[in-house]
Amino acid sequence: MSDCVFVQGVTGFGALWKRIALLLGTCVCMLSSQAQQFMNKAYTPDIKTLQVYLNSDPLDFPVIRMGTEDKVTVAFDWMSHKFPHLAYRVRYCNADWTLSDLEEMDYMEGLNEVVIDDPYISMNTTFDYSHYAFSLPNDDVKLTLSGNYIVQVYDTDNPSSTLLVACFSQQEPKVNIVGEVDGRSIYGVNKEYQHLSFELFYHGNFTALPDELSVVVRQNGRYDNEVRGLKPTYTKPESLVYEDERKLSFEGGVQYNVADFSHRFRFSGCVDRIAFHNPYYHVEMRPGVMREGKMATFGNDVNGGYLLHQQDVWSEAEIDYSIVHFVYPAEEPWLDGSLYVSGAFNDGRLDVRNKMVYSYDRHQYELNVVLKNGGYNFQYLFVPAGMTSGLNSRAEGSFWETENEYQIYVYYRQLGSDHDRLIGFERIISK
């Protein structure tokens, strides 16, 4: 693998540096400190299975409640036993996940160049890896503001590098959020879409002008179809009501596909077979299908999440990786867009790493991904040309009855202030 050079705060010399690096066979990952919107991401293929979650629950969203013992865990694997010495720094972000102009002393106390303790080394696995994990806040880092934070992990031999970014938030509850989901939308009643409506109730003496609030809504943690720029439909003396049918109507989609390959023989869900092709195990998924007719409601998915585990091992260091093969049959390629595999395991990103490639020989879309053994949720999303949001209806179908989870984030920037406080967070389950 070629060396990777990571450049932050690119100036006018950026284009020249990039040309030089390409001529040298290096990979340049530009991390602009001004306009980039961050999300969980590893900037090197040497890092896999980046997890960011609350306390000890890998399925819980990383939102710390101020004044509690909550901690966010950041964990990942370096795919080799020859691991670098890594450290991390914490940065504060605006509501849109761009870097804030605040100084470190404004949002934290303690150190901001913290070495990550030595990782543990995998044992008895076909893939070699070194596992890193740490939690925040801790004895070195105290977070003093509510809002969005990122953790930048870097090699101590190259402090200007950024190898991965992990995102989390801290909230100071100032509003209660009460919401519901039904089948009424601008697209019809009880068809393919769900409509979310919710109300923000102020705590105590706290009040805010509507223009001081930024509300973000996500479905199952997805970023591609998130909703921003919401305004209240109407106001009450102690609350704000949001019922925008155009912005708050979402495809119901289908229940996530479930696949458990934690055991090479006792696999389940969408796994068709597991075979060993030296030197690795290969997991072959059953072909994806359009789900015709009335949807059967299943309760065994976790809305896109995943859990790492492996039967018949004694420690977490013995959980192996496998090469997972996703396929979706199609007589001809869809020329009006692209097909992706999406789930929490790839943070719902619809990018080149998760884009399926059409095979004219086998008449199917294909994607091979190296994943750590465990139980996974995933879905197939079609992205029309020129769009960034994925559609369930084209690939697997969409039904208003589908159970989904909606996450609502409420940010507050008081007039004259220079940062966005997170004053509310809630998860609403469709029934």
Protein backbone atom coordinates (compact mmCIF):
# COMPACT_ATOMS: atom_id res chain seq x y z
CA MET A 1 0.00 0.00 0.00
CA SER A 2 1.26 3.47 -0.81
CA ASP A 3 2.06 5.99 1.89
CA CYS A 4 -0.69 8.43 2.81
CA VAL A 5 -0.12 12.12 3.41
CA PHE A 6 -2.86 14.03 5.24
CA VAL A 7 -3.00 17.79 4.83
CA GLN A 8 -5.04 20.18 6.97
CA GLY A 9 -5.79 23.85 6.37
CA VAL A 10 -4.80 23.68 2.70
CA THR A 11 -3.61 27.02 1.34
CA GLY A 12 -2.84 28.17 -2.18
CA PHE A 13 -0.06 25.60 -2.31
CA GLY A 14 -2.61 22.78 -1.89
CA ALA A 15 -3.03 22.01 -5.60
CA LEU A 16 0.74 21.97 -6.17
CA TRP A 17 1.30 19.74 -3.15
CA LYS A 18 -1.40 17.36 -4.36
CA ARG A 19 0.25 17.08 -7.80
CA ILE A 20 3.62 16.38 -6.21
CA ALA A 21 2.14 13.78 -3.90
CA LEU A 22 0.37 12.01 -6.75
CA LEU A 23 3.60 11.91 -8.73
CA LEU A 24 5.25 10.28 -5.72
CA GLY A 25 2.50 7.68 -5.50
CA THR A 26 1.03 8.97 -2.27
CA CYS A 27 -2.57 9.47 -1.23
CA VAL A 28 -3.46 12.99 -0.14
CA CYS A 29 -6.52 13.42 2.05
CA MET A 30 -7.46 17.09 2.28
CA LEU A 31 -9.05 18.09 5.58
CA SER A 32 -10.05 21.72 5.23
CA SER A 33 -10.46 23.31 8.63
CA GLN A 34 -13.04 25.79 7.38
CA ALA A 35 -15.91 24.28 5.42
CA GLN A 36 -15.74 20.50 5.89
CA GLN A 37 -18.77 18.88 7.48
CA PHE A 38 -17.50 16.01 9.60
CA MET A 39 -18.94 12.57 10.17
CA ASN A 40 -17.48 9.32 11.45
CA LYS A 41 -14.79 8.34 8.98
CA ALA A 42 -11.46 6.55 8.71
CA TYR A 43 -9.08 8.26 6.29
CA THR A 44 -6.90 5.19 5.80
CA PRO A 45 -7.84 1.61 4.82
CA ASP A 46 -5.65 0.42 7.68
CA ILE A 47 -8.49 1.31 10.08
CA LYS A 48 -11.71 -0.70 10.18
CA THR A 49 -14.75 -1.10 12.46
CA LEU A 50 -14.88 2.42 13.84
CA GLN A 51 -17.50 2.46 16.60
CA VAL A 52 -18.75 5.48 18.55
CA TYR A 53 -21.44 4.78 21.14
CA LEU A 54 -22.79 5.75 24.55
CA ASN A 55 -21.58 3.96 27.68
CA SER A 56 -21.41 0.19 27.12
CA ASP A 57 -24.19 -0.12 24.53
CA PRO A 58 -22.93 -0.32 20.91
CA LEU A 59 -26.49 0.35 19.70
CA ASP A 60 -26.90 3.61 21.63
CA PHE A 61 -26.32 6.99 20.01
CA PRO A 62 -23.25 8.89 21.30
CA VAL A 63 -25.04 11.76 23.04
CA ILE A 64 -23.73 12.51 26.55
CA ARG A 65 -26.09 14.03 29.13
CA MET A 66 -24.30 16.78 31.03
CA GLY A 67 -24.12 16.27 34.78
CA THR A 68 -24.23 12.48 34.54
CA GLU A 69 -21.69 9.66 34.44
CA ASP A 70 -22.27 9.16 30.71
CA LYS A 71 -19.25 8.38 28.58
CA VAL A 72 -18.75 7.98 24.85
CA THR A 73 -16.65 5.04 23.72
CA VAL A 74 -14.49 5.29 20.59
CA ALA A 75 -13.16 1.94 19.34
CA PHE A 76 -11.49 0.79 16.13
CA ASP A 77 -9.07 -1.77 14.69
CA TRP A 78 -5.71 -1.16 13.04
CA MET A 79 -5.42 -3.98 10.51
CA SER A 80 -1.95 -5.18 11.46
CA HIS A 81 0.03 -6.34 14.47
CA LYS A 82 2.55 -3.64 13.59
CA PHE A 83 0.63 -0.72 14.97
CA PRO A 84 1.56 2.97 15.18
CA HIS A 85 1.59 5.02 18.37
CA LEU A 86 -1.65 6.96 18.26
CA ALA A 87 -3.06 9.96 20.10
CA TYR A 88 -6.20 12.06 19.86
CA ARG A 89 -7.37 15.65 20.10
CA VAL A 90 -10.89 16.95 20.70
CA ARG A 91 -12.44 19.74 18.63
CA TYR A 92 -15.74 21.60 19.03
CA CYS A 93 -18.15 21.91 16.10
CA ASN A 94 -21.15 23.95 15.05
CA ALA A 95 -24.61 22.45 14.60
CA ASP A 96 -23.76 21.58 10.97
CA TRP A 97 -20.61 19.70 12.04
CA THR A 98 -18.19 22.30 10.70
CA LEU A 99 -15.38 23.36 13.04
CA SER A 100 -16.22 26.11 15.49
CA ASP A 101 -14.02 29.16 16.00
CA LEU A 102 -13.96 28.60 19.77
CA GLU A 103 -10.64 28.17 21.55
CA GLU A 104 -9.92 24.97 23.49
CA MET A 105 -10.30 26.74 26.82
CA ASP A 106 -13.86 27.66 25.84
CA TYR A 107 -15.14 24.09 25.58
CA MET A 108 -12.84 21.82 27.58
CA GLU A 109 -10.51 21.48 30.55
CA GLY A 110 -7.39 19.33 30.70
CA LEU A 111 -5.12 17.97 27.98
CA ASN A 112 -5.90 17.98 24.29
CA GLU A 113 -3.09 15.81 22.98
CA VAL A 114 -3.77 12.45 24.65
CA VAL A 115 -1.88 9.25 23.84
CA ILE A 116 -4.09 6.18 23.41
CA ASP A 117 -3.00 3.29 25.59
CA ASP A 118 -1.39 0.28 23.95
CA PRO A 119 -3.91 -1.77 21.99
CA TYR A 120 -4.56 -5.45 22.42
CA ILE A 121 -3.43 -7.79 19.67
CA SER A 122 -5.75 -10.22 17.87
CA MET A 123 -5.21 -13.94 18.49
CA ASN A 124 -6.14 -16.98 16.39
CA THR A 125 -7.64 -14.87 13.62
CA THR A 126 -7.16 -15.01 9.86
CA PHE A 127 -6.96 -11.20 9.75
CA ASP A 128 -4.32 -9.59 11.97
CA TYR A 129 -5.42 -6.46 13.82
CA SER A 130 -4.70 -4.31 16.86
CA HIS A 131 -7.70 -3.02 18.77
CA TYR A 132 -7.80 0.50 20.22
CA ALA A 133 -10.47 1.89 22.55
CA PHE A 134 -10.91 4.89 24.86
CA SER A 135 -13.73 6.82 26.50
CA LEU A 136 -14.64 10.48 26.91
CA PRO A 137 -14.81 12.43 29.13
CA ASN A 138 -11.96 11.07 31.24
CA ASP A 139 -9.26 12.19 33.69
CA ASP A 140 -7.44 14.03 30.91
CA VAL A 141 -10.38 15.62 29.11
CA LYS A 142 -13.36 17.43 30.66
CA LEU A 143 -16.03 18.80 28.31
CA THR A 144 -17.59 22.06 29.50
CA LEU A 145 -20.08 22.95 26.73
CA SER A 146 -23.04 21.18 25.23
CA GLY A 147 -22.97 20.74 21.46
CA ASN A 148 -21.11 18.72 18.83
CA TYR A 149 -17.58 17.36 19.22
CA ILE A 150 -15.16 15.46 17.03
CA VAL A 151 -12.19 13.34 18.02
CA GLN A 152 -9.26 13.43 15.60
CA VAL A 153 -6.92 10.44 15.94
CA TYR A 154 -3.39 10.86 14.59
CA ASP A 155 0.01 9.17 14.53
CA THR A 156 2.31 10.69 17.15
CA ASP A 157 5.14 10.56 14.60
CA ASN A 158 3.07 12.85 12.36
CA PRO A 159 0.92 15.09 14.60
CA SER A 160 -0.48 17.07 11.65
CA SER A 161 -2.12 13.95 10.25
CA THR A 162 -5.70 12.85 10.81
CA LEU A 163 -6.24 9.11 10.53
CA LEU A 164 -9.86 9.07 11.63
CA VAL A 165 -12.64 11.33 12.88
CA ALA A 166 -15.23 10.22 15.44
CA CYS A 167 -18.31 12.37 16.12
CA PHE A 168 -20.35 12.67 19.31
CA SER A 169 -22.49 15.23 21.12
CA GLN A 170 -23.18 16.48 24.62
CA GLN A 171 -26.60 17.77 25.59
CA GLU A 172 -27.94 20.00 28.35
CA PRO A 173 -31.67 19.23 28.33
CA LYS A 174 -33.66 22.46 28.07
CA VAL A 175 -36.61 21.09 26.08
CA ASN A 176 -38.72 17.96 26.17
CA ILE A 177 -39.48 16.45 22.77
CA VAL A 178 -42.75 14.57 22.22
CA GLY A 179 -43.53 13.14 18.79
CA GLU A 180 -45.42 10.58 16.78
CA VAL A 181 -45.24 8.92 13.37
CA ASP A 182 -48.23 8.07 11.17
CA GLY A 183 -49.06 7.17 7.58
CA ARG A 184 -50.45 10.58 6.64
CA SER A 185 -48.23 12.54 4.27
CA ILE A 186 -48.34 14.79 1.24
CA TYR A 187 -47.90 11.62 -0.84
CA GLY A 188 -51.14 10.06 0.39
CA VAL A 189 -52.51 8.19 3.38
CA ASN A 190 -51.14 4.79 4.46
CA LYS A 191 -49.00 4.27 1.37
CA GLU A 192 -45.21 4.30 1.05
CA TYR A 193 -44.44 7.22 3.35
CA GLN A 194 -44.41 8.09 7.04
CA HIS A 195 -44.96 11.53 8.50
CA LEU A 196 -43.18 12.67 11.67
CA SER A 197 -44.62 15.44 13.85
CA PHE A 198 -43.28 16.62 17.19
CA GLU A 199 -43.55 19.31 19.82
CA LEU A 200 -40.80 21.02 21.84
CA PHE A 201 -41.74 21.88 25.44
CA TYR A 202 -39.53 24.35 27.32
CA HIS A 203 -38.02 23.42 30.70
CA GLY A 204 -38.69 25.78 33.59
CA ASN A 205 -37.94 29.39 32.76
CA PHE A 206 -36.06 28.61 29.56
CA THR A 207 -37.46 30.07 26.33
CA ALA A 208 -36.00 30.64 22.87
CA LEU A 209 -36.94 32.45 19.71
CA PRO A 210 -37.64 30.10 16.77
CA ASP A 211 -34.78 31.69 14.82
CA GLU A 212 -32.38 30.79 17.65
CA LEU A 213 -33.09 27.06 17.19
CA SER A 214 -31.66 24.61 14.67
CA VAL A 215 -33.55 21.31 14.50
CA VAL A 216 -32.07 18.23 12.79
CA VAL A 217 -34.02 15.02 12.11
CA ARG A 218 -32.54 11.70 10.99
CA GLN A 219 -34.21 8.40 10.18
CA ASN A 220 -32.34 5.41 11.63
CA GLY A 221 -29.21 7.53 11.95
CA ARG A 222 -28.95 8.10 8.19
CA TYR A 223 -27.25 11.27 6.96
CA ASP A 224 -28.31 11.06 3.31
CA ASN A 225 -31.96 11.93 3.97
CA GLU A 226 -31.58 14.03 7.13
CA VAL A 227 -33.74 17.14 7.46
CA ARG A 228 -32.41 20.57 8.43
CA GLY A 229 -33.77 24.11 8.27
CA LEU A 230 -37.05 23.25 9.99
CA LYS A 231 -39.28 26.05 11.22
CA PRO A 232 -42.16 25.55 13.67
CA THR A 233 -45.56 25.17 12.05
CA TYR A 234 -47.06 27.16 14.91
CA THR A 235 -46.18 28.22 18.43
CA LYS A 236 -47.81 27.88 21.83
CA PRO A 237 -47.00 29.80 25.02
CA GLU A 238 -44.73 27.01 26.32
CA SER A 239 -43.93 24.98 23.21
CA LEU A 240 -43.21 24.86 19.48
CA VAL A 241 -45.01 22.49 17.10
CA TYR A 242 -43.35 21.00 14.00
CA GLU A 243 -45.65 19.36 11.44
CA ASP A 244 -44.14 20.25 8.04
CA GLU A 245 -45.58 17.51 5.82
CA ARG A 246 -43.19 18.20 2.98
CA LYS A 247 -39.94 18.16 4.97
CA LEU A 248 -41.01 15.61 7.58
CA SER A 249 -42.33 12.92 5.22
CA PHE A 250 -39.97 9.95 4.84
CA GLU A 251 -40.09 6.71 2.90
CA GLY A 252 -41.20 3.98 5.27
CA GLY A 253 -38.86 1.57 3.53
CA VAL A 254 -38.71 -2.04 4.68
CA GLN A 255 -37.37 -3.78 7.76
CA TYR A 256 -33.60 -4.02 7.56
CA ASN A 257 -32.06 -7.22 6.26
CA VAL A 258 -30.54 -9.20 9.13
CA ALA A 259 -27.38 -11.29 8.84
CA ASP A 260 -25.50 -13.09 11.62
CA PHE A 261 -22.16 -14.66 10.71
CA SER A 262 -20.77 -14.98 14.22
CA HIS A 263 -20.29 -18.73 13.65
CA ARG A 264 -19.02 -20.42 10.49
CA PHE A 265 -21.67 -23.18 10.73
CA ARG A 266 -24.56 -21.74 12.76
CA PHE A 267 -25.10 -18.61 10.69
CA SER A 268 -28.56 -17.09 10.17
CA GLY A 269 -30.61 -14.40 8.45
CA CYS A 270 -29.55 -13.41 4.94
CA VAL A 271 -26.35 -15.47 5.02
CA ASP A 272 -26.41 -18.14 2.29
CA ARG A 273 -23.12 -19.87 3.04
CA ILE A 274 -19.69 -19.38 4.60
CA ALA A 275 -16.64 -20.85 2.91
CA PHE A 276 -12.92 -20.75 3.60
CA HIS A 277 -10.78 -19.72 0.64
CA ASN A 278 -7.24 -19.54 1.90
CA PRO A 279 -6.38 -17.37 3.73
CA TYR A 280 -9.78 -15.87 4.66
CA TYR A 281 -13.40 -16.79 5.34
CA HIS A 282 -15.97 -15.58 2.81
CA VAL A 283 -19.60 -14.84 3.71
CA GLU A 284 -21.99 -15.05 0.77
CA MET A 285 -25.29 -13.21 1.22
CA ARG A 286 -28.56 -14.26 -0.34
CA PRO A 287 -29.48 -12.05 -3.31
CA GLY A 288 -31.39 -8.89 -2.50
CA VAL A 289 -34.99 -8.77 -3.73
CA MET A 290 -37.86 -6.38 -4.21
CA ARG A 291 -40.41 -7.16 -1.49
CA GLU A 292 -43.72 -7.34 -3.34
CA GLY A 293 -47.22 -7.19 -1.89
CA LYS A 294 -48.11 -6.37 1.70
CA MET A 295 -45.09 -6.20 3.93
CA ALA A 296 -44.75 -8.72 6.72
CA THR A 297 -43.72 -6.81 9.83
CA PHE A 298 -40.62 -8.21 11.51
CA GLY A 299 -39.35 -7.23 14.93
CA ASN A 300 -35.85 -8.65 14.76
CA ASP A 301 -33.95 -5.72 13.28
CA VAL A 302 -32.20 -2.94 15.21
CA ASN A 303 -32.86 -0.14 12.72
CA GLY A 304 -29.55 -0.48 10.92
CA GLY A 305 -27.27 -1.25 13.86
CA TYR A 306 -24.82 -4.09 14.39
CA LEU A 307 -23.21 -6.06 17.22
CA LEU A 308 -19.75 -7.61 17.15
CA HIS A 309 -19.53 -11.11 18.57
CA GLN A 310 -18.28 -14.56 17.72
CA GLN A 311 -19.36 -17.86 19.16
CA ASP A 312 -16.82 -20.29 20.59
CA VAL A 313 -14.12 -17.74 21.39
CA TRP A 314 -12.73 -16.81 24.79
CA SER A 315 -11.99 -13.13 24.35
CA GLU A 316 -12.84 -10.10 22.23
CA ALA A 317 -9.35 -10.30 20.73
CA GLU A 318 -10.34 -13.56 19.01
CA ILE A 319 -13.22 -12.13 16.96
CA ASP A 320 -12.18 -12.60 13.36
CA TYR A 321 -12.97 -10.70 10.16
CA SER A 322 -14.59 -12.10 7.02
CA ILE A 323 -15.00 -10.95 3.43
CA VAL A 324 -18.73 -10.39 2.95
CA HIS A 325 -20.24 -10.60 -0.54
CA PHE A 326 -23.46 -8.64 -1.20
CA VAL A 327 -25.37 -9.28 -4.45
CA TYR A 328 -28.47 -7.79 -6.02
CA PRO A 329 -29.73 -9.42 -9.28
CA ALA A 330 -30.65 -7.21 -12.25
CA GLU A 331 -31.02 -8.24 -15.88
CA GLU A 332 -29.62 -4.89 -16.97
CA PRO A 333 -27.79 -2.15 -15.05
CA TRP A 334 -29.84 0.83 -13.91
CA LEU A 335 -28.51 3.68 -16.00
CA ASP A 336 -30.43 6.38 -14.11
CA GLY A 337 -28.59 6.00 -10.82
CA SER A 338 -26.47 3.84 -8.52
CA LEU A 339 -27.09 1.11 -5.96
CA TYR A 340 -25.52 1.06 -2.48
CA VAL A 341 -25.41 -1.10 0.63
CA SER A 342 -26.18 0.97 3.72
CA GLY A 343 -26.13 0.41 7.47
CA ALA A 344 -24.55 1.61 10.69
CA PHE A 345 -21.49 -0.52 9.87
CA ASN A 346 -20.57 2.09 7.22
CA ASP A 347 -22.28 5.00 9.03
CA GLY A 348 -24.86 5.10 6.26
CA ARG A 349 -22.40 6.68 3.83
CA LEU A 350 -23.34 6.46 0.18
CA ASP A 351 -19.86 6.69 -1.28
CA VAL A 352 -17.49 4.71 -3.45
CA ARG A 353 -16.67 2.27 -0.63
CA ASN A 354 -20.30 1.14 -0.41
CA LYS A 355 -21.34 1.46 -4.06
CA MET A 356 -22.28 -1.79 -5.81
CA VAL A 357 -20.68 -2.59 -9.17
CA TYR A 358 -22.66 -4.25 -11.95
CA SER A 359 -21.38 -7.54 -13.40
CA TYR A 360 -22.49 -8.05 -17.00
CA ASP A 361 -21.37 -11.70 -16.83
CA ARG A 362 -23.47 -12.57 -13.78
CA HIS A 363 -26.27 -9.99 -14.33
CA GLN A 364 -26.10 -8.65 -10.81
CA TYR A 365 -24.78 -5.84 -8.68
CA GLU A 366 -21.94 -6.84 -6.36
CA LEU A 367 -20.07 -5.42 -3.38
CA ASN A 368 -17.37 -7.07 -1.27
CA VAL A 369 -16.69 -5.67 2.19
CA VAL A 370 -14.33 -6.80 4.96
CA LEU A 371 -16.40 -6.90 8.18
CA LYS A 372 -15.75 -8.06 11.70
CA ASN A 373 -17.82 -11.10 12.65
CA GLY A 374 -21.15 -10.49 14.32
CA GLY A 375 -24.78 -9.62 13.61
CA TYR A 376 -25.56 -6.86 11.10
CA ASN A 377 -28.48 -4.89 9.70
CA PHE A 378 -28.24 -3.57 6.14
CA GLN A 379 -30.42 -2.34 3.29
CA TYR A 380 -30.09 -1.63 -0.41
CA LEU A 381 -30.57 2.01 -1.42
CA PHE A 382 -30.90 3.40 -4.92
CA VAL A 383 -29.58 6.93 -5.50
CA PRO A 384 -30.96 8.58 -8.66
CA ALA A 385 -28.43 10.42 -10.80
CA GLY A 386 -27.89 13.96 -9.58
CA MET A 387 -29.27 13.22 -6.10
CA THR A 388 -27.61 12.39 -2.78
CA SER A 389 -30.51 10.77 -0.92
CA GLY A 390 -31.12 7.03 -1.21
CA LEU A 391 -34.50 5.46 -2.04
CA ASN A 392 -35.80 2.20 -0.58
CA SER A 393 -38.71 2.00 -3.01
CA ARG A 394 -36.57 1.32 -6.08
CA ALA A 395 -34.48 -1.49 -4.58
CA GLU A 396 -36.56 -3.27 -1.93
CA GLY A 397 -39.90 -1.48 -1.64
CA SER A 398 -41.41 0.96 0.82
CA PHE A 399 -44.32 0.57 3.25
CA TRP A 400 -45.76 3.04 5.72
CA GLU A 401 -46.13 0.29 8.38
CA THR A 402 -42.38 -0.28 8.67
CA GLU A 403 -40.91 0.32 12.10
CA ASN A 404 -38.30 3.08 11.99
CA GLU A 405 -36.54 5.21 14.56
CA TYR A 406 -36.25 8.98 14.19
CA GLN A 407 -33.58 10.97 16.03
CA ILE A 408 -34.31 14.64 16.76
CA TYR A 409 -31.51 17.06 17.72
CA VAL A 410 -32.35 20.58 18.91
CA TYR A 411 -29.54 23.17 18.91
CA TYR A 412 -29.72 26.65 20.41
CA ARG A 413 -27.58 29.64 19.44
CA GLN A 414 -28.63 32.67 21.44
CA LEU A 415 -28.57 35.93 19.52
CA GLY A 416 -25.03 37.31 19.73
CA SER A 417 -23.54 33.93 20.73
CA ASP A 418 -20.76 32.14 18.83
CA HIS A 419 -21.62 28.50 19.41
CA ASP A 420 -24.51 26.02 19.13
CA ARG A 421 -25.64 24.37 22.37
CA LEU A 422 -27.44 21.04 22.12
CA ILE A 423 -30.51 21.52 24.31
CA GLY A 424 -32.55 18.48 23.33
CA PHE A 425 -32.23 14.98 21.90
CA GLU A 426 -34.94 12.35 21.50
CA ARG A 427 -35.55 9.08 19.70
CA ILE A 428 -39.07 8.49 18.33
CA ILE A 429 -40.13 4.98 17.27
CA SER A 430 -42.84 4.55 14.64
CA LYS A 431 -45.59 2.17 15.75
